N, C-alpha and C. Protein backbone atom coordinates (compact mmCIF):
# COMPACT_ATOMS: atom_id res chain seq x y z
N MET A 1 20.11 15.65 -4.55
CA MET A 1 19.86 16.65 -3.36
C MET A 1 21.12 16.77 -2.78
N SER A 2 21.61 18.12 -2.98
CA SER A 2 22.94 18.42 -2.23
C SER A 2 22.93 18.76 -0.98
N GLY A 3 24.05 18.23 -0.29
CA GLY A 3 24.09 18.26 1.17
C GLY A 3 23.13 18.01 2.01
N THR A 4 22.62 16.79 1.76
CA THR A 4 21.64 16.05 2.77
C THR A 4 22.29 16.13 4.13
N PHE A 5 21.51 16.74 4.96
CA PHE A 5 22.01 17.00 6.50
C PHE A 5 20.73 16.77 7.19
N TYR A 6 20.71 15.62 8.19
CA TYR A 6 19.42 15.38 8.96
C TYR A 6 19.49 16.07 10.23
N THR A 7 18.47 16.91 10.46
CA THR A 7 18.28 17.61 11.60
C THR A 7 16.82 17.34 12.08
N ALA A 8 16.62 17.42 13.34
CA ALA A 8 15.15 17.11 13.96
C ALA A 8 14.23 18.29 13.30
N GLY A 9 14.87 19.52 13.34
CA GLY A 9 13.88 20.64 12.75
C GLY A 9 13.45 20.38 11.33
N LYS A 10 14.43 19.98 10.56
CA LYS A 10 14.05 19.68 9.06
C LYS A 10 13.07 18.54 8.99
N ILE A 11 13.35 17.40 9.66
CA ILE A 11 12.51 16.40 9.56
C ILE A 11 10.96 16.85 10.00
N VAL A 12 10.86 17.62 11.16
CA VAL A 12 9.61 17.84 11.56
C VAL A 12 8.91 18.92 10.64
N ARG A 13 9.56 19.87 9.94
CA ARG A 13 9.06 20.69 9.14
C ARG A 13 8.61 20.02 7.91
N GLN A 14 9.29 19.08 7.37
CA GLN A 14 8.78 18.33 6.18
C GLN A 14 7.75 17.24 6.40
N SER A 15 7.79 16.71 7.80
CA SER A 15 6.90 15.58 7.92
C SER A 15 5.63 15.87 8.65
N LEU A 16 5.81 16.90 9.59
CA LEU A 16 4.46 17.15 10.22
C LEU A 16 3.20 17.73 9.63
N PRO A 17 3.36 18.70 8.60
CA PRO A 17 2.21 18.98 7.84
C PRO A 17 1.56 17.77 7.08
N LEU A 18 2.34 17.02 6.59
CA LEU A 18 1.97 15.80 5.66
C LEU A 18 1.23 14.89 6.69
N LEU A 19 1.81 14.58 7.87
CA LEU A 19 1.24 13.61 8.67
C LEU A 19 0.08 14.20 9.19
N MET A 20 -0.44 15.46 9.41
CA MET A 20 -1.64 15.89 9.82
C MET A 20 -2.59 15.74 8.80
N LEU A 21 -2.26 15.82 7.64
CA LEU A 21 -3.15 15.64 6.40
C LEU A 21 -3.50 14.22 6.31
N LEU A 22 -2.52 13.49 6.55
CA LEU A 22 -2.71 11.89 6.27
C LEU A 22 -3.59 11.46 7.50
N VAL A 23 -3.48 11.95 8.60
CA VAL A 23 -4.43 11.59 9.72
C VAL A 23 -5.89 11.70 9.30
N LEU A 24 -6.14 12.85 8.65
CA LEU A 24 -7.35 13.04 7.99
C LEU A 24 -7.86 12.11 6.96
N LEU A 25 -6.93 11.67 6.20
CA LEU A 25 -7.17 10.63 5.17
C LEU A 25 -7.52 9.38 5.85
N GLU A 26 -6.86 8.99 6.92
CA GLU A 26 -7.21 7.61 7.70
C GLU A 26 -8.57 7.76 8.40
N ILE A 27 -8.95 8.99 8.81
CA ILE A 27 -10.23 9.14 9.51
C ILE A 27 -11.22 8.91 8.47
N ILE A 28 -10.98 9.50 7.19
CA ILE A 28 -11.99 9.25 6.03
C ILE A 28 -12.00 7.83 5.75
N ALA A 29 -10.98 7.16 5.66
CA ALA A 29 -10.94 5.83 5.31
C ALA A 29 -11.64 5.03 6.39
N GLY A 30 -11.63 5.33 7.69
CA GLY A 30 -12.25 4.56 8.65
C GLY A 30 -13.93 4.95 8.52
N GLN A 31 -14.23 6.25 8.22
CA GLN A 31 -15.66 6.38 7.96
C GLN A 31 -16.27 5.85 6.86
N PHE A 32 -15.31 5.82 5.80
CA PHE A 32 -15.78 5.19 4.58
C PHE A 32 -16.32 3.62 4.70
N LEU A 33 -15.52 2.97 5.63
CA LEU A 33 -15.75 1.79 5.98
C LEU A 33 -17.00 1.49 6.82
N ASN A 34 -17.03 2.52 7.80
CA ASN A 34 -18.00 2.63 8.84
C ASN A 34 -19.48 2.61 7.97
N THR A 35 -19.57 3.26 6.88
CA THR A 35 -20.82 3.59 6.15
C THR A 35 -21.15 2.28 5.51
N SER A 36 -20.42 1.19 5.39
CA SER A 36 -20.66 0.07 4.64
C SER A 36 -21.31 -1.01 5.62
N GLU A 37 -22.55 -0.89 5.81
CA GLU A 37 -23.19 -2.10 6.68
C GLU A 37 -22.93 -3.45 6.16
N LYS A 38 -23.01 -3.63 4.76
CA LYS A 38 -22.94 -5.03 4.17
C LYS A 38 -21.54 -5.41 4.64
N ILE A 39 -20.49 -4.64 4.56
CA ILE A 39 -19.07 -5.25 4.75
C ILE A 39 -18.97 -5.36 6.25
N LEU A 40 -19.50 -4.52 7.14
CA LEU A 40 -19.29 -4.77 8.41
C LEU A 40 -20.05 -5.89 9.06
N GLY A 41 -21.19 -6.46 8.46
CA GLY A 41 -21.53 -7.73 8.80
C GLY A 41 -20.75 -9.05 8.36
N MET A 42 -19.88 -8.82 7.48
CA MET A 42 -19.07 -10.09 7.03
C MET A 42 -17.68 -10.13 7.61
N SER A 43 -17.57 -11.05 8.62
CA SER A 43 -16.37 -11.07 9.33
C SER A 43 -15.14 -11.56 8.48
N SER A 44 -15.55 -12.53 7.54
CA SER A 44 -14.32 -12.95 6.83
C SER A 44 -13.89 -11.80 5.86
N VAL A 45 -14.60 -10.98 5.37
CA VAL A 45 -14.09 -9.84 4.38
C VAL A 45 -13.50 -8.81 5.41
N LEU A 46 -14.13 -8.55 6.73
CA LEU A 46 -13.34 -7.63 7.56
C LEU A 46 -12.04 -8.00 7.90
N MET A 47 -11.71 -9.37 8.12
CA MET A 47 -10.45 -9.95 8.52
C MET A 47 -9.48 -9.65 7.44
N LEU A 48 -9.78 -9.44 6.06
CA LEU A 48 -9.00 -9.23 5.05
C LEU A 48 -8.25 -7.72 5.09
N ILE A 49 -8.95 -6.84 5.61
CA ILE A 49 -8.50 -5.45 5.65
C ILE A 49 -7.06 -5.31 6.37
N PRO A 50 -6.86 -5.90 7.46
CA PRO A 50 -5.54 -5.49 8.02
C PRO A 50 -4.34 -6.29 7.28
N VAL A 51 -4.82 -7.38 6.70
CA VAL A 51 -3.77 -8.26 5.86
C VAL A 51 -3.43 -7.65 4.66
N VAL A 52 -4.54 -7.23 3.88
CA VAL A 52 -4.36 -6.49 2.48
C VAL A 52 -3.53 -5.05 2.74
N ASN A 53 -4.07 -4.35 3.91
CA ASN A 53 -3.23 -3.12 4.05
C ASN A 53 -1.87 -3.26 4.51
N GLY A 54 -1.77 -4.27 5.39
CA GLY A 54 -0.41 -4.60 5.93
C GLY A 54 0.61 -4.95 4.78
N VAL A 55 0.14 -5.92 3.85
CA VAL A 55 1.14 -6.29 2.86
C VAL A 55 1.43 -5.06 1.82
N GLY A 56 0.23 -4.47 1.63
CA GLY A 56 0.52 -3.23 0.64
C GLY A 56 1.37 -2.24 1.00
N GLY A 57 1.17 -1.96 2.56
CA GLY A 57 2.12 -0.89 3.22
C GLY A 57 3.69 -1.56 3.22
N ASN A 58 3.89 -2.73 3.41
CA ASN A 58 5.11 -3.28 3.46
C ASN A 58 5.66 -3.19 2.25
N ILE A 59 4.95 -3.56 1.14
CA ILE A 59 5.69 -3.76 -0.18
C ILE A 59 5.94 -2.21 -0.59
N GLY A 60 5.03 -1.32 -0.49
CA GLY A 60 5.28 0.26 -0.77
C GLY A 60 6.35 0.69 0.05
N SER A 61 6.56 0.43 1.29
CA SER A 61 7.54 0.84 2.03
C SER A 61 9.03 0.43 1.59
N ILE A 62 8.89 -0.75 1.26
CA ILE A 62 10.07 -1.52 0.74
C ILE A 62 10.68 -0.75 -0.58
N LEU A 63 9.75 -0.55 -1.45
CA LEU A 63 9.92 0.17 -2.69
C LEU A 63 10.33 1.62 -2.31
N GLY A 64 9.72 2.23 -1.41
CA GLY A 64 10.19 3.70 -1.25
C GLY A 64 11.43 3.85 -0.52
N ALA A 65 11.82 2.83 0.24
CA ALA A 65 13.03 2.81 0.89
C ALA A 65 14.20 2.64 -0.18
N ARG A 66 13.88 1.67 -1.13
CA ARG A 66 14.96 1.48 -2.04
C ARG A 66 15.08 2.76 -3.06
N ILE A 67 14.04 3.31 -3.46
CA ILE A 67 14.05 4.67 -4.38
C ILE A 67 14.86 5.63 -3.55
N THR A 68 14.26 5.89 -2.40
CA THR A 68 14.99 7.07 -1.66
C THR A 68 16.29 6.84 -1.44
N SER A 69 16.91 5.73 -1.06
CA SER A 69 18.25 5.56 -0.92
C SER A 69 18.98 5.40 -2.22
N GLY A 70 18.34 4.99 -3.22
CA GLY A 70 18.90 5.11 -4.59
C GLY A 70 18.96 6.58 -5.17
N LEU A 71 18.11 7.38 -4.68
CA LEU A 71 18.23 8.83 -5.13
C LEU A 71 19.31 9.56 -4.36
N HIS A 72 19.40 9.14 -3.15
CA HIS A 72 20.32 9.84 -2.34
C HIS A 72 21.93 9.47 -2.69
N VAL A 73 22.06 8.26 -3.09
CA VAL A 73 23.49 7.76 -3.41
C VAL A 73 23.77 7.73 -4.91
N GLY A 74 22.80 8.22 -5.76
CA GLY A 74 23.04 8.45 -7.11
C GLY A 74 22.78 7.14 -7.91
N TYR A 75 22.23 6.29 -7.27
CA TYR A 75 21.94 4.79 -7.94
C TYR A 75 20.94 5.01 -8.75
N ILE A 76 19.92 5.83 -8.53
CA ILE A 76 18.65 6.16 -9.21
C ILE A 76 18.81 7.55 -9.70
N GLU A 77 18.38 7.90 -10.83
CA GLU A 77 18.34 9.27 -11.35
C GLU A 77 16.85 9.76 -10.94
N PRO A 78 16.51 10.88 -10.84
CA PRO A 78 14.96 11.32 -10.63
C PRO A 78 14.30 11.53 -11.95
N LYS A 79 14.22 10.49 -12.56
CA LYS A 79 13.36 10.54 -13.84
C LYS A 79 12.84 9.14 -14.20
N LEU A 80 11.69 9.25 -14.72
CA LEU A 80 10.88 7.84 -14.98
C LEU A 80 11.62 6.85 -15.77
N LYS A 81 12.22 7.47 -16.66
CA LYS A 81 13.06 6.65 -17.69
C LYS A 81 14.32 6.03 -16.98
N ASP A 82 14.68 6.12 -15.85
CA ASP A 82 15.71 5.51 -15.19
C ASP A 82 15.57 4.01 -15.01
N ARG A 83 16.58 3.30 -15.68
CA ARG A 83 16.45 1.92 -15.75
C ARG A 83 16.37 1.25 -14.27
N ASN A 84 17.07 1.69 -13.26
CA ASN A 84 17.21 1.17 -11.93
C ASN A 84 15.93 1.55 -11.23
N LEU A 85 15.26 2.61 -11.45
CA LEU A 85 13.90 2.93 -10.79
C LEU A 85 12.89 1.84 -11.55
N ARG A 86 12.80 1.84 -12.77
CA ARG A 86 11.92 0.82 -13.40
C ARG A 86 12.07 -0.61 -13.12
N LYS A 87 13.43 -1.02 -12.73
CA LYS A 87 13.70 -2.26 -12.32
C LYS A 87 13.14 -2.54 -10.96
N ASN A 88 13.37 -1.72 -10.05
CA ASN A 88 12.79 -1.79 -8.73
C ASN A 88 11.29 -1.61 -8.72
N LEU A 89 10.61 -0.83 -9.48
CA LEU A 89 9.17 -0.72 -9.59
C LEU A 89 8.68 -2.16 -10.09
N LEU A 90 9.35 -2.80 -11.04
CA LEU A 90 8.90 -4.05 -11.62
C LEU A 90 9.05 -5.14 -10.50
N LEU A 91 10.14 -5.15 -9.84
CA LEU A 91 10.29 -6.21 -8.84
C LEU A 91 9.44 -6.14 -7.71
N SER A 92 8.99 -4.75 -7.33
CA SER A 92 8.12 -4.51 -6.35
C SER A 92 6.65 -5.12 -6.78
N LEU A 93 6.27 -4.86 -7.91
CA LEU A 93 5.04 -5.44 -8.53
C LEU A 93 5.03 -6.85 -8.33
N VAL A 94 6.09 -7.65 -8.81
CA VAL A 94 6.14 -8.99 -8.87
C VAL A 94 6.10 -9.38 -7.50
N LEU A 95 6.93 -8.93 -6.56
CA LEU A 95 6.97 -9.22 -5.12
C LEU A 95 5.56 -9.19 -4.58
N GLY A 96 4.88 -8.06 -4.82
CA GLY A 96 3.47 -7.93 -4.28
C GLY A 96 2.59 -9.02 -4.71
N GLY A 97 2.57 -9.16 -6.04
CA GLY A 97 1.78 -10.26 -6.71
C GLY A 97 1.94 -11.50 -6.13
N SER A 98 3.29 -11.78 -5.94
CA SER A 98 3.67 -13.22 -5.46
C SER A 98 3.23 -13.36 -4.03
N VAL A 99 3.37 -12.32 -3.24
CA VAL A 99 2.98 -12.46 -1.74
C VAL A 99 1.58 -12.56 -1.69
N PHE A 100 0.82 -11.96 -2.29
CA PHE A 100 -0.73 -12.09 -2.28
C PHE A 100 -1.12 -13.36 -2.75
N LEU A 101 -0.53 -13.89 -3.88
CA LEU A 101 -0.90 -15.26 -4.29
C LEU A 101 -0.56 -16.42 -3.42
N ILE A 102 0.71 -16.34 -2.83
CA ILE A 102 0.85 -17.30 -1.81
C ILE A 102 0.17 -17.24 -0.67
N MET A 103 -0.22 -16.00 -0.25
CA MET A 103 -1.04 -15.62 1.04
C MET A 103 -2.56 -16.35 0.71
N GLY A 104 -2.84 -16.02 -0.61
CA GLY A 104 -4.20 -16.49 -0.93
C GLY A 104 -4.32 -18.13 -1.01
N ILE A 105 -3.25 -18.64 -1.33
CA ILE A 105 -3.15 -20.28 -1.29
C ILE A 105 -3.06 -20.65 0.15
N ILE A 106 -2.45 -20.08 0.96
CA ILE A 106 -2.38 -20.24 2.53
C ILE A 106 -3.70 -20.26 2.95
N ILE A 107 -4.33 -19.27 2.78
CA ILE A 107 -5.77 -19.00 3.37
C ILE A 107 -6.64 -19.95 3.06
N PHE A 108 -6.63 -20.30 1.61
CA PHE A 108 -7.50 -21.60 1.21
C PHE A 108 -7.04 -22.85 1.81
N VAL A 109 -5.73 -23.30 1.91
CA VAL A 109 -5.48 -24.39 2.50
C VAL A 109 -5.94 -24.47 3.92
N ILE A 110 -5.72 -23.36 4.74
CA ILE A 110 -5.92 -23.42 6.23
C ILE A 110 -7.59 -23.55 6.24
N THR A 111 -8.23 -22.82 5.49
CA THR A 111 -9.64 -22.82 5.62
C THR A 111 -10.17 -24.23 5.39
N ARG A 112 -9.50 -24.98 4.39
CA ARG A 112 -10.07 -26.24 4.07
C ARG A 112 -9.61 -27.11 5.24
N ILE A 113 -8.19 -27.26 5.47
CA ILE A 113 -7.79 -28.31 6.62
C ILE A 113 -8.34 -28.00 7.91
N MET A 114 -8.56 -26.81 8.25
CA MET A 114 -9.15 -26.48 9.59
C MET A 114 -10.59 -26.43 9.54
N HIS A 115 -11.34 -26.55 8.53
CA HIS A 115 -12.63 -26.63 8.33
C HIS A 115 -13.44 -25.23 8.94
N PHE A 116 -12.86 -24.21 8.72
CA PHE A 116 -13.21 -23.01 8.96
C PHE A 116 -14.56 -22.48 8.29
N GLU A 117 -15.46 -21.94 8.90
CA GLU A 117 -16.64 -21.41 8.34
C GLU A 117 -16.43 -20.20 7.83
N THR A 118 -16.85 -19.71 6.54
CA THR A 118 -16.67 -18.50 6.27
C THR A 118 -18.26 -17.91 5.71
N ASP A 119 -18.37 -16.69 6.03
CA ASP A 119 -19.88 -16.21 5.76
C ASP A 119 -20.07 -15.90 4.15
N ILE A 120 -19.08 -16.12 3.42
CA ILE A 120 -19.11 -16.08 2.04
C ILE A 120 -18.43 -17.20 1.46
N SER A 121 -18.51 -17.68 0.26
CA SER A 121 -17.58 -18.85 -0.22
C SER A 121 -16.19 -18.51 -0.25
N ILE A 122 -15.43 -19.56 -0.18
CA ILE A 122 -14.01 -19.31 -0.08
C ILE A 122 -13.45 -18.78 -1.39
N TRP A 123 -14.15 -19.13 -2.43
CA TRP A 123 -13.71 -18.64 -3.77
C TRP A 123 -13.98 -17.16 -4.00
N ARG A 124 -15.11 -16.59 -3.43
CA ARG A 124 -15.44 -15.23 -3.46
C ARG A 124 -14.51 -14.51 -2.62
N LEU A 125 -14.19 -15.17 -1.48
CA LEU A 125 -13.31 -14.42 -0.47
C LEU A 125 -11.83 -14.27 -1.27
N LEU A 126 -11.46 -15.25 -1.85
CA LEU A 126 -10.04 -15.27 -2.44
C LEU A 126 -10.18 -14.15 -3.66
N ILE A 127 -11.28 -14.19 -4.27
CA ILE A 127 -11.29 -13.24 -5.46
C ILE A 127 -11.09 -11.78 -4.95
N ILE A 128 -11.90 -11.53 -3.86
CA ILE A 128 -11.83 -10.23 -3.13
C ILE A 128 -10.48 -9.79 -2.71
N PHE A 129 -9.74 -11.03 -2.11
CA PHE A 129 -8.29 -10.87 -1.54
C PHE A 129 -7.45 -10.52 -2.71
N LEU A 130 -7.37 -11.36 -3.71
CA LEU A 130 -6.36 -11.31 -4.71
C LEU A 130 -6.54 -10.14 -5.55
N ALA A 131 -7.87 -9.81 -5.94
CA ALA A 131 -8.17 -8.38 -6.84
C ALA A 131 -7.72 -7.28 -6.07
N SER A 132 -8.17 -7.24 -4.82
CA SER A 132 -7.86 -6.05 -3.93
C SER A 132 -6.45 -5.92 -3.60
N GLY A 133 -5.80 -6.81 -3.49
CA GLY A 133 -4.23 -6.86 -3.47
C GLY A 133 -3.60 -6.45 -4.69
N ALA A 134 -3.88 -6.84 -5.90
CA ALA A 134 -3.44 -6.43 -7.05
C ALA A 134 -3.70 -5.14 -7.34
N ILE A 135 -4.92 -4.47 -7.16
CA ILE A 135 -5.25 -3.14 -7.35
C ILE A 135 -4.34 -2.08 -6.30
N LEU A 136 -4.25 -2.73 -5.06
CA LEU A 136 -3.48 -2.03 -4.00
C LEU A 136 -1.95 -1.83 -4.45
N ILE A 137 -1.41 -3.12 -4.65
CA ILE A 137 -0.02 -3.09 -5.04
C ILE A 137 0.31 -2.11 -6.12
N THR A 138 -0.42 -2.22 -7.15
CA THR A 138 -0.15 -1.45 -8.45
C THR A 138 -0.37 -0.03 -8.16
N VAL A 139 -1.39 0.45 -7.70
CA VAL A 139 -1.65 1.84 -7.28
C VAL A 139 -0.46 2.40 -6.34
N LEU A 140 -0.14 1.72 -5.27
CA LEU A 140 0.81 2.05 -4.15
C LEU A 140 2.28 2.24 -4.93
N CYS A 141 2.48 1.18 -5.84
CA CYS A 141 3.86 1.38 -6.37
C CYS A 141 4.02 2.63 -7.26
N PHE A 142 3.02 2.85 -7.82
CA PHE A 142 3.07 4.22 -8.69
C PHE A 142 3.11 5.37 -7.88
N ILE A 143 2.28 5.55 -6.73
CA ILE A 143 2.26 6.56 -5.87
C ILE A 143 3.59 6.65 -5.18
N CYS A 144 4.08 5.74 -4.87
CA CYS A 144 5.48 5.52 -4.23
C CYS A 144 6.54 6.43 -5.12
N VAL A 145 6.62 5.84 -6.32
CA VAL A 145 7.50 6.28 -7.56
C VAL A 145 7.22 7.92 -7.51
N ALA A 146 6.01 8.33 -7.83
CA ALA A 146 5.64 9.67 -8.02
C ALA A 146 5.96 10.57 -6.75
N SER A 147 5.71 9.99 -5.58
CA SER A 147 5.99 10.93 -4.38
C SER A 147 7.61 10.97 -4.18
N ALA A 148 8.24 10.02 -4.42
CA ALA A 148 9.73 9.93 -4.23
C ALA A 148 10.37 10.94 -5.23
N LEU A 149 9.89 10.71 -6.56
CA LEU A 149 10.52 11.57 -7.61
C LEU A 149 10.22 13.04 -7.32
N TYR A 150 8.89 13.43 -7.15
CA TYR A 150 8.44 14.69 -6.84
C TYR A 150 9.09 15.44 -5.64
N THR A 151 9.13 14.69 -4.44
CA THR A 151 9.83 15.44 -3.34
C THR A 151 11.35 15.61 -3.55
N TYR A 152 12.00 14.67 -4.15
CA TYR A 152 13.39 14.81 -4.46
C TYR A 152 13.65 16.06 -5.41
N ARG A 153 12.98 15.97 -6.36
CA ARG A 153 13.15 17.37 -7.48
C ARG A 153 12.72 18.55 -6.71
N LYS A 154 11.75 18.36 -5.62
CA LYS A 154 11.59 19.87 -4.99
C LYS A 154 12.52 20.25 -3.74
N GLY A 155 13.49 19.34 -3.72
CA GLY A 155 14.55 19.49 -2.82
C GLY A 155 14.02 19.15 -1.46
N LEU A 156 13.19 18.32 -1.31
CA LEU A 156 12.59 17.73 0.07
C LEU A 156 13.35 16.40 0.11
N ASP A 157 13.41 15.86 1.52
CA ASP A 157 13.94 14.60 1.65
C ASP A 157 12.78 13.57 1.56
N PRO A 158 12.88 12.60 0.58
CA PRO A 158 11.86 11.79 0.37
C PRO A 158 11.64 10.84 1.44
N ASP A 159 12.75 10.52 2.23
CA ASP A 159 12.70 9.77 3.32
C ASP A 159 11.72 10.21 4.43
N ASN A 160 11.54 11.39 4.45
CA ASN A 160 10.50 12.09 5.34
C ASN A 160 9.02 12.14 4.91
N ILE A 161 8.67 11.67 3.62
CA ILE A 161 7.46 11.90 3.07
C ILE A 161 6.90 10.65 2.49
N VAL A 162 7.83 9.82 1.83
CA VAL A 162 7.42 8.66 0.96
C VAL A 162 6.60 7.55 1.94
N THR A 163 7.17 7.12 2.92
CA THR A 163 6.51 6.22 3.67
C THR A 163 5.32 6.51 4.31
N PRO A 164 5.12 7.71 4.93
CA PRO A 164 3.96 8.09 5.34
C PRO A 164 2.79 8.16 4.27
N ILE A 165 3.15 8.71 3.11
CA ILE A 165 2.28 8.68 2.03
C ILE A 165 1.62 7.29 1.62
N VAL A 166 2.68 6.48 1.42
CA VAL A 166 2.52 5.20 0.92
C VAL A 166 1.44 4.41 1.96
N THR A 167 1.89 4.46 3.31
CA THR A 167 1.08 3.56 4.17
C THR A 167 -0.26 4.13 4.34
N SER A 168 -0.38 5.44 4.49
CA SER A 168 -1.71 6.28 4.82
C SER A 168 -2.61 6.08 3.60
N VAL A 169 -2.18 6.44 2.39
CA VAL A 169 -2.87 6.38 1.08
C VAL A 169 -3.12 4.79 0.82
N GLY A 170 -2.18 3.95 1.24
CA GLY A 170 -2.47 2.61 1.09
C GLY A 170 -3.55 1.96 1.93
N ASP A 171 -3.64 2.61 3.14
CA ASP A 171 -4.81 1.99 3.95
C ASP A 171 -6.07 2.48 3.17
N PHE A 172 -6.25 3.61 2.84
CA PHE A 172 -7.43 4.06 2.17
C PHE A 172 -7.81 3.37 0.76
N ILE A 173 -6.78 3.11 0.05
CA ILE A 173 -6.92 2.36 -1.29
C ILE A 173 -7.25 0.91 -0.87
N GLY A 174 -6.66 0.35 0.23
CA GLY A 174 -6.96 -1.03 0.53
C GLY A 174 -8.58 -1.07 0.98
N ILE A 175 -9.00 -0.37 1.71
CA ILE A 175 -10.18 -0.46 2.22
C ILE A 175 -11.17 -0.15 0.86
N THR A 176 -10.82 0.95 0.19
CA THR A 176 -11.78 1.19 -1.01
C THR A 176 -11.76 0.00 -1.92
N SER A 177 -10.53 -0.71 -2.19
CA SER A 177 -10.60 -1.88 -3.24
C SER A 177 -11.33 -3.12 -2.57
N ILE A 178 -11.10 -3.26 -1.36
CA ILE A 178 -12.07 -4.53 -1.01
C ILE A 178 -13.57 -4.15 -0.96
N MET A 179 -13.97 -2.92 -0.63
CA MET A 179 -15.30 -2.55 -0.60
C MET A 179 -15.83 -2.70 -2.23
N VAL A 180 -14.99 -2.22 -3.07
CA VAL A 180 -15.41 -2.16 -4.72
C VAL A 180 -15.39 -3.70 -4.99
N MET A 181 -14.38 -4.52 -4.75
CA MET A 181 -14.67 -5.71 -5.21
C MET A 181 -15.71 -6.62 -4.57
N THR A 182 -15.99 -6.31 -3.35
CA THR A 182 -17.10 -6.86 -2.58
C THR A 182 -18.52 -6.67 -3.43
N LEU A 183 -18.60 -5.32 -3.69
CA LEU A 183 -19.77 -4.88 -4.68
C LEU A 183 -19.66 -5.63 -5.96
N LEU A 184 -18.63 -5.68 -6.54
CA LEU A 184 -18.40 -6.10 -7.92
C LEU A 184 -18.78 -7.66 -8.06
N ILE A 185 -18.48 -8.39 -7.05
CA ILE A 185 -18.68 -9.83 -7.19
C ILE A 185 -20.16 -10.17 -6.65
N GLY A 186 -20.89 -9.13 -6.31
CA GLY A 186 -22.34 -9.23 -5.82
C GLY A 186 -22.68 -9.88 -4.50
N ILE A 187 -21.78 -9.29 -3.43
CA ILE A 187 -22.14 -9.72 -2.22
C ILE A 187 -22.99 -8.59 -1.40
């Protein structure tokens, strides 16, 4: 991207329409969750939503920052075959999987040590948590790469676009994956 120059007007022009669209996606995600009375009645599953969405958003934002910085300084070429792009993608997938696995172990240990009651078995809760996390991280990483490369190729500053997309779409995917996993394991 030639002549990257940050101005308030440029940032607002590139970000504001997208942010308005993403507000609608967040509302849809909330309403989607609101329609599931089964999940709303299970506090242990509800407590997973901010954790899953938070970790997913963090991993996606880290990857987005690395890619956009790499694009700006020329460390990453705007093509899928770029070695550094693929390396960052793989590292983010591994990091996300590791974080969810470690957090799953911590949740299990704390639940056992503190004798916390859960409204479903701890094993089902962990399956929902780990599978939802795996789905979220995988989808978010690919959305992050696609949005960074697309915006960069279109002459837009991916710094203005990638993180809002990753965090908002991530919230929607996180809620959806938790709902799907809850249904799949028969709760």
